[in-house]
């Protein structure tokens, strides 16, 4: 059964957003958890803005280690794959299905495994998100 955006559990407060890197020795388990936490934030920054918005709203930000280049990896745009680097991807894939661009308008539609298709419309004065 697909999950809806859950506004009841969404964190909203007036505290400033801050982040401090770990500045003390970690156990191996703590180091792995910290690395995964940082990977999640960096992946959200690396993907398209509409995808990042959807992943945050749907609480789909879990990551997993990646050992081989993923499907549709483009070495010309993303660089040659280096299997000696520690690399992560989101556990649940999301595929961009449609893009429409006009002046002051962007529509992106994603197929998100069993969560269905989601559309994001972005205009200068607003953003609309809906299951399509």
Foldseek 3Di string as FASTA:
>chain_A
DADDQDPVPDDDDDDDDDDDQDDDDDDPVVVVVSVQVVQLVVQLVVDDVVVSVVCNRRVQRGKDWDQDDDPPDDCVVVNDDDNVDTDMDGPWDKAWDDWDDDVQWIKTWIQTVVNAIKIWIGGPVDIDIDHD
